[in-house]
N, C-alpha and C. Protein backbone atom coordinates (compact mmCIF):
# COMPACT_ATOMS: atom_id res chain seq x y z
N MET A 1 -15.22 -0.09 6.79
CA MET A 1 -13.92 -0.71 6.65
C MET A 1 -12.84 0.36 6.61
N PHE A 2 -11.63 -0.07 6.85
CA PHE A 2 -10.52 0.87 6.93
C PHE A 2 -10.27 1.60 5.61
N GLN A 3 -10.59 0.96 4.48
CA GLN A 3 -10.32 1.55 3.17
C GLN A 3 -11.00 2.91 2.98
N GLU A 4 -12.15 3.09 3.58
CA GLU A 4 -12.87 4.35 3.44
C GLU A 4 -12.14 5.52 4.08
N LYS A 5 -11.28 5.23 5.06
CA LYS A 5 -10.54 6.26 5.78
C LYS A 5 -9.13 6.46 5.22
N ALA A 6 -8.77 5.67 4.23
CA ALA A 6 -7.41 5.68 3.70
C ALA A 6 -7.13 6.89 2.83
N ASN A 7 -5.90 7.35 2.85
CA ASN A 7 -5.48 8.46 1.99
C ASN A 7 -5.68 8.13 0.51
N CYS A 8 -5.60 6.86 0.18
CA CYS A 8 -5.69 6.45 -1.23
C CYS A 8 -7.13 6.25 -1.70
N ALA A 9 -8.10 6.48 -0.86
CA ALA A 9 -9.49 6.20 -1.20
C ALA A 9 -9.93 6.89 -2.49
N GLU A 10 -9.40 8.06 -2.75
CA GLU A 10 -9.79 8.78 -3.95
C GLU A 10 -8.63 8.95 -4.92
N ALA A 11 -7.54 8.24 -4.68
CA ALA A 11 -6.37 8.33 -5.55
C ALA A 11 -6.51 7.38 -6.73
N ASP A 12 -5.74 7.61 -7.74
CA ASP A 12 -5.70 6.74 -8.92
C ASP A 12 -5.07 5.41 -8.50
N THR A 13 -5.80 4.33 -8.63
CA THR A 13 -5.29 3.02 -8.20
C THR A 13 -4.07 2.57 -9.00
N ASN A 14 -3.91 3.07 -10.22
CA ASN A 14 -2.73 2.72 -11.01
C ASN A 14 -1.44 3.12 -10.32
N LEU A 15 -1.51 4.13 -9.49
CA LEU A 15 -0.34 4.59 -8.75
C LEU A 15 0.19 3.47 -7.85
N PHE A 16 -0.68 2.66 -7.31
CA PHE A 16 -0.31 1.63 -6.35
C PHE A 16 0.01 0.28 -6.99
N PHE A 17 -0.14 0.20 -8.29
CA PHE A 17 0.11 -1.07 -9.00
C PHE A 17 1.05 -0.85 -10.17
N SER A 18 2.07 -0.06 -9.96
CA SER A 18 3.07 0.23 -10.98
C SER A 18 4.44 -0.17 -10.46
N GLU A 19 5.31 -0.53 -11.37
CA GLU A 19 6.68 -0.84 -10.98
C GLU A 19 7.62 0.33 -11.24
N LEU A 20 7.08 1.42 -11.76
CA LEU A 20 7.90 2.61 -11.99
C LEU A 20 8.31 3.21 -10.66
N LYS A 21 9.60 3.45 -10.49
CA LYS A 21 10.10 3.96 -9.22
C LYS A 21 9.42 5.25 -8.80
N SER A 22 9.13 6.11 -9.75
CA SER A 22 8.49 7.39 -9.41
C SER A 22 7.09 7.17 -8.84
N LYS A 23 6.36 6.23 -9.41
CA LYS A 23 5.00 5.95 -8.91
C LYS A 23 5.06 5.23 -7.57
N VAL A 24 6.00 4.32 -7.40
CA VAL A 24 6.16 3.62 -6.12
C VAL A 24 6.48 4.64 -5.03
N ALA A 25 7.35 5.59 -5.33
CA ALA A 25 7.71 6.63 -4.37
C ALA A 25 6.50 7.49 -4.00
N LYS A 26 5.69 7.85 -4.97
CA LYS A 26 4.49 8.66 -4.70
C LYS A 26 3.49 7.87 -3.87
N ALA A 27 3.32 6.59 -4.20
CA ALA A 27 2.36 5.76 -3.46
C ALA A 27 2.80 5.57 -2.02
N THR A 28 4.07 5.27 -1.81
CA THR A 28 4.54 5.05 -0.43
C THR A 28 4.50 6.35 0.37
N ALA A 29 4.74 7.47 -0.29
CA ALA A 29 4.65 8.76 0.41
C ALA A 29 3.22 9.02 0.87
N LEU A 30 2.26 8.69 0.03
CA LEU A 30 0.85 8.84 0.39
C LEU A 30 0.52 7.93 1.58
N CYS A 31 1.05 6.73 1.54
CA CYS A 31 0.81 5.76 2.63
C CYS A 31 1.42 6.23 3.95
N ASN A 32 2.58 6.85 3.89
CA ASN A 32 3.29 7.21 5.11
C ASN A 32 2.52 8.15 6.02
N SER A 33 1.62 8.93 5.45
CA SER A 33 0.82 9.84 6.29
C SER A 33 -0.61 9.34 6.46
N CYS A 34 -0.86 8.10 6.10
CA CYS A 34 -2.21 7.55 6.14
C CYS A 34 -2.61 7.12 7.55
N PRO A 35 -3.82 7.48 7.98
CA PRO A 35 -4.27 7.12 9.34
C PRO A 35 -4.56 5.62 9.51
N VAL A 36 -4.70 4.89 8.42
CA VAL A 36 -4.99 3.46 8.52
C VAL A 36 -3.88 2.60 7.90
N LYS A 37 -2.67 3.13 7.89
CA LYS A 37 -1.53 2.45 7.29
C LYS A 37 -1.33 1.05 7.89
N SER A 38 -1.37 0.94 9.20
CA SER A 38 -1.12 -0.37 9.83
C SER A 38 -2.22 -1.38 9.51
N GLU A 39 -3.46 -0.93 9.45
CA GLU A 39 -4.56 -1.84 9.10
C GLU A 39 -4.41 -2.33 7.66
N CYS A 40 -4.00 -1.45 6.78
CA CYS A 40 -3.80 -1.79 5.38
C CYS A 40 -2.68 -2.82 5.23
N LEU A 41 -1.59 -2.59 5.93
CA LEU A 41 -0.48 -3.53 5.89
C LEU A 41 -0.91 -4.89 6.42
N GLN A 42 -1.61 -4.91 7.53
CA GLN A 42 -2.06 -6.18 8.09
C GLN A 42 -3.00 -6.91 7.14
N PHE A 43 -3.86 -6.19 6.48
CA PHE A 43 -4.76 -6.75 5.48
C PHE A 43 -3.96 -7.46 4.38
N ALA A 44 -2.95 -6.77 3.86
CA ALA A 44 -2.12 -7.34 2.79
C ALA A 44 -1.34 -8.56 3.28
N LEU A 45 -0.86 -8.52 4.50
CA LEU A 45 -0.12 -9.66 5.04
C LEU A 45 -1.04 -10.84 5.28
N ASP A 46 -2.21 -10.58 5.84
CA ASP A 46 -3.16 -11.66 6.12
C ASP A 46 -3.58 -12.38 4.84
N LEU A 47 -3.78 -11.62 3.78
CA LEU A 47 -4.21 -12.20 2.51
C LEU A 47 -3.05 -12.58 1.59
N GLN A 48 -1.84 -12.29 2.05
CA GLN A 48 -0.61 -12.56 1.29
C GLN A 48 -0.72 -11.99 -0.13
N ILE A 49 -1.10 -10.73 -0.21
CA ILE A 49 -1.25 -10.05 -1.48
C ILE A 49 0.13 -9.85 -2.11
N GLU A 50 0.27 -10.31 -3.33
CA GLU A 50 1.57 -10.32 -3.99
C GLU A 50 1.82 -9.14 -4.92
N TYR A 51 0.85 -8.26 -5.07
CA TYR A 51 0.99 -7.13 -5.98
C TYR A 51 0.57 -5.84 -5.30
N GLY A 52 1.18 -4.75 -5.72
CA GLY A 52 0.75 -3.44 -5.26
C GLY A 52 1.38 -2.96 -3.97
N ILE A 53 1.17 -1.69 -3.73
CA ILE A 53 1.64 -1.04 -2.51
C ILE A 53 0.51 -1.08 -1.50
N TYR A 54 0.78 -1.62 -0.34
CA TYR A 54 -0.19 -1.69 0.76
C TYR A 54 0.53 -1.32 2.04
N GLY A 55 -0.07 -0.43 2.81
CA GLY A 55 0.54 -0.04 4.07
C GLY A 55 1.94 0.50 3.92
N GLY A 56 2.20 1.10 2.78
CA GLY A 56 3.51 1.70 2.54
C GLY A 56 4.60 0.70 2.20
N THR A 57 4.23 -0.53 1.87
CA THR A 57 5.23 -1.55 1.57
C THR A 57 5.05 -2.10 0.16
N THR A 58 6.15 -2.53 -0.40
CA THR A 58 6.13 -3.18 -1.71
C THR A 58 5.89 -4.67 -1.52
N PRO A 59 5.57 -5.37 -2.59
CA PRO A 59 5.39 -6.82 -2.48
C PRO A 59 6.64 -7.52 -1.93
N GLN A 60 7.81 -7.06 -2.33
CA GLN A 60 9.05 -7.65 -1.86
C GLN A 60 9.22 -7.46 -0.35
N GLN A 61 8.87 -6.30 0.14
CA GLN A 61 8.98 -6.01 1.57
C GLN A 61 8.02 -6.88 2.37
N ARG A 62 6.81 -7.04 1.85
CA ARG A 62 5.83 -7.89 2.56
C ARG A 62 6.25 -9.34 2.54
N LYS A 63 6.80 -9.79 1.44
CA LYS A 63 7.26 -11.17 1.35
C LYS A 63 8.32 -11.44 2.42
N ALA A 64 9.22 -10.48 2.61
CA ALA A 64 10.26 -10.62 3.64
C ALA A 64 9.66 -10.65 5.04
N MET A 65 8.57 -9.93 5.26
CA MET A 65 7.91 -9.91 6.57
C MET A 65 7.26 -11.25 6.91
N LEU A 66 6.80 -11.95 5.86
CA LEU A 66 6.13 -13.22 6.08
C LEU A 66 7.16 -14.30 6.31
């Protein structure tokens, strides 16, 4: 699966599920250079995931995309 190739595979998952601006910024920065960013985003959109950073997007950004 795409998750095994993701930059976040070995990162602290709390980074991606925080509302602190500093953590959101770090998570999205990690996503921006990820080789599977688009697959991750599509996964979150398909499942309509309402929490966390996926594919470099916040829940609010994904909601707007849907």
